[in-house]
């Protein structure tokens, strides 16, 4: 087991990464777990991992809320159902909410924890690659709204994150690829050397090589932990972590939440963002081609659906959370390993990038 830390003063918390960590989680997380534990999971993850988590917590009072699988379940209705169950449990404000699942479970459970008695302790047990390298770290919690993704939520940091790489061996190949989109994002926006490492090791990652996966998770979490420590509430640098997300969220909303996996939409969004940067002279042709090639090697889409017209793009991007004073702010790479937040983007470059089909 290896350990990182998200440095937030008195609210700092550890990230544990290793293989077969769930059976001993009570010992590892003893400082973060209270006596009453409310587990939020879903009907896909529960048959795989709930029993071993419950066995690890036999000395605790445990209640389980099992939600439906899929992005469509990340809703105000499910959030209310979870709160109804928690309120009915008789648990007090010194309970701990535990998220056992992927990003949807983690986001919803975190919002439940932020809402119950104005905020109770929260622990993340992410079971998908995407949640392990991204959504479980940083304290963003939310549910979706018919008008857009993650529009209702709160910043609520976990007490700890425990990442068991064994969970990835039951992950469908499509979900693994979706997680790799967020891993590739870190290389494009923050670390050119990591990007080169990913180019060399992408087959090891898609083949579930445990050493390669552990390395990728550690490096991704270290990048996110540093950014979150410096800009917890996304007033500046943290917005860079949204590379590909403005375009990706528009794709998800257009196609219906869950039709495209979040990581798939982000992958297409990264390709679109790099296309815009290449057109504006901020990336070389070679750098742009390398990004598209790496996304394809991870079995990810690199183009938006052809059905999305420019008018729809304009409408959906204006709902993005990074819009300020009516202007859409985009995260665009400047070469490999760095990115900027900018509203200085030509409309012609955007229209060409979102409509381009990259094969």
Protein backbone atom coordinates (compact mmCIF):
# COMPACT_ATOMS: atom_id res chain seq x y z
CA UNK A 1 0.00 0.00 0.00
CA UNK A 2 1.23 3.50 -0.87
CA UNK A 3 -0.08 6.75 0.56
CA UNK A 4 -0.52 10.30 -0.74
CA UNK A 5 -2.06 13.30 0.97
CA UNK A 6 -4.34 16.14 -0.07
CA UNK A 7 -3.00 19.08 1.92
CA UNK A 8 -5.83 21.28 3.17
CA UNK A 9 -4.64 22.29 6.63
CA UNK A 10 -6.84 20.81 9.35
CA UNK A 11 -8.97 19.14 6.65
CA UNK A 12 -6.08 17.30 4.98
CA UNK A 13 -6.75 13.67 4.18
CA UNK A 14 -4.91 10.56 2.96
CA UNK A 15 -5.26 8.64 -0.29
CA UNK A 16 -4.32 4.97 0.06
CA UNK A 17 -3.46 3.00 -3.10
CA UNK A 18 -2.79 -0.72 -3.25
CA UNK A 19 -4.06 -4.18 -4.07
CA UNK A 20 -6.59 -6.10 -1.95
CA UNK A 21 -7.19 -3.24 0.50
CA UNK A 22 -10.94 -3.67 1.07
CA UNK A 23 -10.72 -6.60 3.55
CA UNK A 24 -8.57 -4.53 5.95
CA UNK A 25 -10.21 -1.16 5.40
CA UNK A 26 -11.41 -0.82 9.01
CA UNK A 27 -7.81 -0.82 10.26
CA UNK A 28 -6.50 1.40 7.48
CA UNK A 29 -9.31 3.93 7.88
CA UNK A 30 -9.73 3.72 11.66
CA UNK A 31 -9.15 7.47 12.08
CA UNK A 32 -11.76 8.30 9.43
CA UNK A 33 -14.61 5.94 10.37
CA UNK A 34 -17.20 6.63 13.04
CA UNK A 35 -19.29 3.96 14.76
CA UNK A 36 -22.38 4.47 12.56
CA UNK A 37 -21.69 3.92 8.86
CA UNK A 38 -24.09 4.57 5.99
CA UNK A 39 -22.85 2.82 2.83
CA UNK A 40 -24.03 4.11 -0.54
CA UNK A 41 -23.46 1.67 -3.40
CA UNK A 42 -25.29 0.49 -6.52
CA UNK A 43 -26.83 -2.72 -7.80
CA UNK A 44 -23.80 -3.56 -9.97
CA UNK A 45 -21.06 -2.98 -7.39
CA UNK A 46 -22.93 -4.41 -4.39
CA UNK A 47 -22.83 -8.06 -5.53
CA UNK A 48 -19.08 -7.74 -6.14
CA UNK A 49 -17.74 -5.91 -3.09
CA UNK A 50 -20.41 -5.10 -0.51
CA UNK A 51 -20.05 -8.34 1.44
CA UNK A 52 -16.29 -7.95 1.99
CA UNK A 53 -16.77 -4.32 3.02
CA UNK A 54 -19.49 -5.30 5.51
CA UNK A 55 -17.28 -8.10 6.89
CA UNK A 56 -14.51 -5.57 7.39
CA UNK A 57 -16.94 -3.35 9.35
CA UNK A 58 -18.42 -5.98 11.70
CA UNK A 59 -17.54 -3.83 14.72
CA UNK A 60 -19.58 -0.93 13.34
CA UNK A 61 -23.30 -0.25 13.02
CA UNK A 62 -23.84 -0.38 9.25
CA UNK A 63 -26.77 0.54 7.02
CA UNK A 64 -26.73 0.17 3.22
CA UNK A 65 -28.46 2.25 0.55
CA UNK A 66 -28.31 0.61 -2.88
CA UNK A 67 -29.07 2.92 -5.79
CA UNK A 68 -29.60 2.07 -9.47
CA UNK A 69 -26.57 1.96 -11.74
CA UNK A 70 -25.89 4.64 -14.31
CA UNK A 71 -25.59 8.39 -14.79
CA UNK A 72 -29.38 8.84 -14.90
CA UNK A 73 -29.52 7.78 -11.22
CA UNK A 74 -27.36 10.77 -10.19
CA UNK A 75 -30.49 12.82 -9.62
CA UNK A 76 -32.30 14.84 -7.00
CA UNK A 77 -34.81 11.98 -6.69
CA UNK A 78 -32.09 9.45 -5.77
CA UNK A 79 -30.44 11.98 -3.45
CA UNK A 80 -33.77 12.41 -1.65
CA UNK A 81 -34.28 8.63 -1.45
CA UNK A 82 -30.82 8.27 0.13
CA UNK A 83 -31.51 11.04 2.62
CA UNK A 84 -34.88 9.50 3.47
CA UNK A 85 -33.10 6.23 4.25
CA UNK A 86 -30.42 7.98 6.28
CA UNK A 87 -32.96 10.00 8.23
CA UNK A 88 -34.97 6.85 8.86
CA UNK A 89 -31.92 5.01 10.17
CA UNK A 90 -31.74 7.08 13.33
CA UNK A 91 -28.06 7.80 12.66
CA UNK A 92 -26.70 10.96 14.26
CA UNK A 93 -24.49 13.71 12.90
CA UNK A 94 -21.39 11.77 14.00
CA UNK A 95 -22.02 9.04 11.41
CA UNK A 96 -19.83 8.40 8.36
CA UNK A 97 -21.15 8.14 4.80
CA UNK A 98 -19.12 5.64 2.75
CA UNK A 99 -19.25 5.66 -1.06
CA UNK A 100 -18.64 2.21 -2.56
CA UNK A 101 -18.74 2.50 -6.32
CA UNK A 102 -17.75 4.67 -9.25
CA UNK A 103 -18.09 8.37 -9.88
CA UNK A 104 -21.89 8.44 -9.87
CA UNK A 105 -22.04 6.75 -6.46
CA UNK A 106 -19.25 8.93 -5.09
CA UNK A 107 -20.76 12.20 -6.30
CA UNK A 108 -24.21 11.36 -4.94
CA UNK A 109 -22.95 9.94 -1.63
CA UNK A 110 -20.78 13.00 -1.14
CA UNK A 111 -23.74 15.30 -1.68
CA UNK A 112 -25.76 13.23 0.80
CA UNK A 113 -22.92 13.65 3.33
CA UNK A 114 -22.74 17.39 2.64
CA UNK A 115 -26.50 17.76 3.15
CA UNK A 116 -27.22 15.54 6.17
CA UNK A 117 -27.17 17.68 9.33
CA UNK A 118 -25.32 20.33 7.26
CA UNK A 119 -22.37 18.02 6.70
CA UNK A 120 -21.13 14.71 8.10
CA UNK A 121 -17.94 12.69 7.57
CA UNK A 122 -17.45 11.00 4.23
CA UNK A 123 -15.10 8.28 2.92
CA UNK A 124 -14.52 7.25 -0.69
CA UNK A 125 -14.00 3.61 -1.77
CA UNK A 126 -13.84 4.12 -5.56
CA UNK A 127 -14.21 0.98 -7.67
CA UNK A 128 -13.73 2.33 -11.22
CA UNK A 129 -10.56 3.75 -12.74
CA UNK A 130 -12.29 7.04 -13.51
CA UNK A 131 -13.38 7.52 -9.91
CA UNK A 132 -10.01 6.37 -8.57
CA UNK A 133 -8.00 8.92 -10.54
CA UNK A 134 -10.46 11.79 -10.57
CA UNK A 135 -13.87 12.09 -8.94
CA UNK A 136 -13.00 10.49 -5.56
CA UNK A 137 -10.34 13.15 -4.88
CA UNK A 138 -11.09 16.83 -4.39
CA UNK A 139 -14.44 17.07 -2.67
CA UNK A 140 -16.69 17.91 -5.62
CA UNK A 141 -20.13 16.40 -4.96
CA UNK A 142 -23.19 16.85 -7.13
CA UNK A 143 -26.28 15.55 -8.87
CA UNK A 144 -27.41 16.23 -12.41
CA UNK A 145 -30.34 18.39 -13.46
CA UNK A 146 -32.33 18.20 -16.70
CA UNK A 147 -30.65 21.46 -17.69
CA UNK A 148 -27.13 20.12 -17.29
CA UNK A 149 -24.57 17.93 -15.56
CA UNK A 150 -23.42 18.52 -11.96
CA UNK A 151 -25.36 21.77 -11.64
CA UNK A 152 -26.52 21.05 -8.06
CA UNK A 153 -23.96 20.13 -5.41
CA UNK A 154 -21.42 21.23 -2.85
CA UNK A 155 -17.72 21.15 -2.09
CA UNK A 156 -17.38 18.55 0.68
CA UNK A 157 -14.00 16.91 1.18
CA UNK A 158 -13.77 13.24 2.22
CA UNK A 159 -11.94 12.16 5.36
CA UNK A 160 -10.03 9.56 3.34
CA UNK A 161 -9.87 7.82 -0.04
CA UNK A 162 -9.00 4.12 -0.27
CA UNK A 163 -8.21 2.80 -3.76
CA UNK A 164 -8.12 -0.98 -4.19
CA UNK A 165 -6.68 -1.80 -7.62
CA UNK A 166 -8.19 -5.30 -7.44
CA UNK A 167 -11.56 -3.69 -8.18
CA UNK A 168 -10.36 -2.91 -11.69
CA UNK A 169 -10.21 -6.61 -12.58
CA UNK A 170 -14.03 -6.79 -12.57
CA UNK A 171 -14.39 -3.56 -14.56
CA UNK A 172 -15.82 -3.84 -18.10
CA UNK A 173 -13.30 -2.89 -20.79
CA UNK A 174 -15.41 0.11 -21.81
CA UNK A 175 -15.35 1.47 -18.23
CA UNK A 176 -11.58 0.95 -18.02
CA UNK A 177 -11.09 2.97 -21.21
CA UNK A 178 -13.37 5.69 -19.86
CA UNK A 179 -11.10 6.00 -16.82
CA UNK A 180 -8.02 6.21 -19.02
CA UNK A 181 -9.45 9.41 -20.54
CA UNK A 182 -8.98 11.18 -17.20
CA UNK A 183 -5.48 9.68 -16.83
CA UNK A 184 -4.51 10.99 -20.27
CA UNK A 185 -5.97 14.36 -19.33
CA UNK A 186 -3.35 14.80 -16.59
CA UNK A 187 -0.54 14.21 -19.06
CA UNK A 188 -1.94 16.70 -21.58
CA UNK A 189 -2.69 19.50 -19.10
CA UNK A 190 0.09 19.13 -16.52
CA UNK A 191 2.90 16.66 -17.21
CA UNK A 192 4.50 16.02 -20.61
CA UNK A 193 6.79 13.33 -19.15
CA UNK A 194 3.75 11.45 -17.82
CA UNK A 195 2.14 11.76 -21.26
CA UNK A 196 5.21 10.11 -22.81
CA UNK A 197 5.08 7.37 -20.16
CA UNK A 198 1.45 6.73 -21.09
CA UNK A 199 2.35 6.42 -24.77
CA UNK A 200 4.87 3.70 -23.86
CA UNK A 201 2.65 1.91 -21.34
CA UNK A 202 -0.87 2.23 -22.76
CA UNK A 203 -1.05 -1.46 -23.74
CA UNK A 204 0.00 -2.50 -20.23
CA UNK A 205 -2.81 -0.36 -18.86
CA UNK A 206 -5.48 -1.73 -21.17
CA UNK A 207 -4.20 -5.25 -20.34
CA UNK A 208 -4.72 -4.55 -16.60
CA UNK A 209 -1.05 -4.79 -15.62
CA UNK A 210 -1.22 -4.10 -11.89
CA UNK A 211 2.14 -2.31 -11.62
CA UNK A 212 1.30 0.00 -14.52
CA UNK A 213 -2.17 0.71 -13.17
CA UNK A 214 -0.79 1.52 -9.72
CA UNK A 215 1.78 3.89 -11.23
CA UNK A 216 -0.86 5.64 -13.35
CA UNK A 217 -3.25 5.99 -10.41
CA UNK A 218 -0.55 7.34 -8.09
CA UNK A 219 0.69 9.89 -10.61
CA UNK A 220 -2.83 11.00 -11.50
CA UNK A 221 -3.87 11.36 -7.86
CA UNK A 222 -0.65 13.23 -7.02
CA UNK A 223 -1.41 15.73 -9.79
CA UNK A 224 -4.98 16.25 -8.67
CA UNK A 225 -4.03 16.43 -4.98
CA UNK A 226 -1.53 19.20 -5.69
CA UNK A 227 -4.03 21.23 -7.71
CA UNK A 228 -6.80 20.79 -5.12
CA UNK A 229 -4.43 21.77 -2.30
CA UNK A 230 -3.66 25.03 -4.10
CA UNK A 231 -7.18 25.85 -5.32
CA UNK A 232 -9.84 23.89 -3.44
CA UNK A 233 -12.91 25.76 -4.75
CA UNK A 234 -11.85 26.23 -8.36
CA UNK A 235 -11.12 29.93 -8.30
CA UNK A 236 -8.17 29.55 -10.66
CA UNK A 237 -5.80 26.66 -11.37
CA UNK A 238 -8.26 23.88 -10.51
CA UNK A 239 -10.33 24.78 -13.56
CA UNK A 240 -7.51 23.27 -15.65
CA UNK A 241 -8.66 19.84 -14.44
CA UNK A 242 -11.74 20.40 -16.61
CA UNK A 243 -9.77 19.96 -19.83
CA UNK A 244 -12.18 18.35 -22.30
CA UNK A 245 -15.14 18.70 -19.95
CA UNK A 246 -16.92 21.71 -21.48
CA UNK A 247 -17.21 19.80 -24.76
CA UNK A 248 -17.71 16.47 -22.97
CA UNK A 249 -20.59 17.66 -20.81
CA UNK A 250 -22.29 19.06 -23.90
CA UNK A 251 -22.01 15.65 -25.58
CA UNK A 252 -23.43 13.88 -22.51
CA UNK A 253 -26.39 16.26 -22.30
CA UNK A 254 -27.09 16.11 -26.03
CA UNK A 255 -27.02 12.33 -26.22
CA UNK A 256 -28.78 11.69 -22.90
CA UNK A 257 -26.89 11.05 -19.67
CA UNK A 258 -25.43 7.57 -19.71
CA UNK A 259 -25.54 7.03 -23.48
CA UNK A 260 -21.92 8.13 -23.61
CA UNK A 261 -19.85 7.30 -20.53
CA UNK A 262 -18.40 10.40 -18.90
CA UNK A 263 -14.84 9.39 -19.79
CA UNK A 264 -15.79 8.75 -23.41
CA UNK A 265 -17.27 12.24 -23.70
CA UNK A 266 -14.21 13.74 -22.00
CA UNK A 267 -11.93 11.91 -24.45
CA UNK A 268 -13.75 13.42 -27.41
CA UNK A 269 -13.63 16.76 -25.59
CA UNK A 270 -9.86 16.52 -25.14
CA UNK A 271 -9.44 15.82 -28.86
CA UNK A 272 -11.67 18.81 -29.69
CA UNK A 273 -9.76 21.10 -27.30
CA UNK A 274 -6.43 20.03 -28.82
CA UNK A 275 -7.87 20.63 -32.29
CA UNK A 276 -8.75 24.20 -31.31
CA UNK A 277 -5.27 24.71 -29.84
CA UNK A 278 -3.65 23.33 -32.98
CA UNK A 279 -5.70 25.68 -35.17
CA UNK A 280 -4.70 28.65 -33.00
CA UNK A 281 -1.01 27.73 -33.09
CA UNK A 282 -0.81 26.66 -29.46
CA UNK A 283 -0.04 23.01 -30.27
CA UNK A 284 2.08 21.62 -33.08
CA UNK A 285 0.60 19.22 -35.62
CA UNK A 286 2.74 16.45 -34.09
CA UNK A 287 1.50 17.13 -30.54
CA UNK A 288 -2.11 17.13 -31.70
CA UNK A 289 -1.60 13.86 -33.57
CA UNK A 290 0.05 12.24 -30.54
CA UNK A 291 -2.93 13.09 -28.32
CA UNK A 292 -5.44 11.69 -30.81
CA UNK A 293 -3.31 8.56 -31.29
CA UNK A 294 -3.07 7.93 -27.52
CA UNK A 295 -6.82 8.34 -27.06
CA UNK A 296 -7.43 5.88 -29.88
CA UNK A 297 -4.91 3.43 -28.36
CA UNK A 298 -7.00 3.57 -25.17
CA UNK A 299 -10.04 2.60 -27.29
CA UNK A 300 -11.70 5.98 -26.79
CA UNK A 301 -13.77 8.15 -29.15
CA UNK A 302 -12.03 11.24 -30.53
CA UNK A 303 -14.97 12.94 -32.27
CA UNK A 304 -18.35 14.25 -31.19
CA UNK A 305 -21.58 12.75 -32.56
CA UNK A 306 -22.25 13.97 -36.09
CA UNK A 307 -25.83 14.72 -35.06
CA UNK A 308 -24.81 17.72 -32.93
CA UNK A 309 -25.42 20.96 -34.84
CA UNK A 310 -23.51 24.15 -34.06
CA UNK A 311 -26.60 25.84 -32.57
CA UNK A 312 -26.91 22.99 -30.06
CA UNK A 313 -23.23 23.28 -29.13
CA UNK A 314 -23.63 27.01 -28.48
CA UNK A 315 -26.68 26.47 -26.30
CA UNK A 316 -25.14 23.67 -24.23
CA UNK A 317 -21.74 25.31 -23.75
CA UNK A 318 -23.41 28.44 -22.37
CA UNK A 319 -24.71 26.26 -19.48
CA UNK A 320 -21.17 25.27 -18.49
CA UNK A 321 -20.19 26.13 -14.92
CA UNK A 322 -17.12 28.01 -16.16
CA UNK A 323 -19.23 30.62 -17.98
CA UNK A 324 -18.59 34.12 -16.61
CA UNK A 325 -20.36 37.30 -17.68
CA UNK A 326 -21.97 35.40 -20.54
CA UNK A 327 -18.62 34.19 -21.92
CA UNK A 328 -17.69 30.52 -22.21
CA UNK A 329 -14.21 29.92 -20.82
CA UNK A 330 -12.35 27.01 -22.38
CA UNK A 331 -9.48 24.91 -21.07
CA UNK A 332 -6.99 24.62 -23.93
CA UNK A 333 -3.54 22.98 -24.04
CA UNK A 334 -0.47 25.04 -24.83
CA UNK A 335 1.72 22.24 -26.08
CA UNK A 336 1.89 19.03 -24.05
CA UNK A 337 2.03 19.34 -20.28
CA UNK A 338 0.40 22.73 -19.78
CA UNK A 339 -2.96 24.38 -20.33
CA UNK A 340 -4.74 27.69 -19.87
CA UNK A 341 -8.24 28.96 -19.16
CA UNK A 342 -9.31 31.34 -21.90
CA UNK A 343 -12.32 32.93 -23.55
CA UNK A 344 -10.14 34.05 -26.47
CA UNK A 345 -11.20 31.39 -28.96
CA UNK A 346 -12.29 31.98 -32.53
CA UNK A 347 -15.77 30.79 -33.41
CA UNK A 348 -14.53 29.33 -36.69
CA UNK A 349 -11.95 27.20 -34.86
CA UNK A 350 -14.61 25.95 -32.46
CA UNK A 351 -17.07 25.11 -35.23
CA UNK A 352 -14.44 23.20 -37.18
CA UNK A 353 -13.18 21.32 -34.12
CA UNK A 354 -16.57 20.16 -32.87
CA UNK A 355 -17.66 19.02 -36.33
CA UNK A 356 -14.45 17.27 -37.38
CA UNK A 357 -14.63 13.46 -37.63
CA UNK A 358 -11.23 11.98 -36.82
CA UNK A 359 -11.87 8.37 -37.83
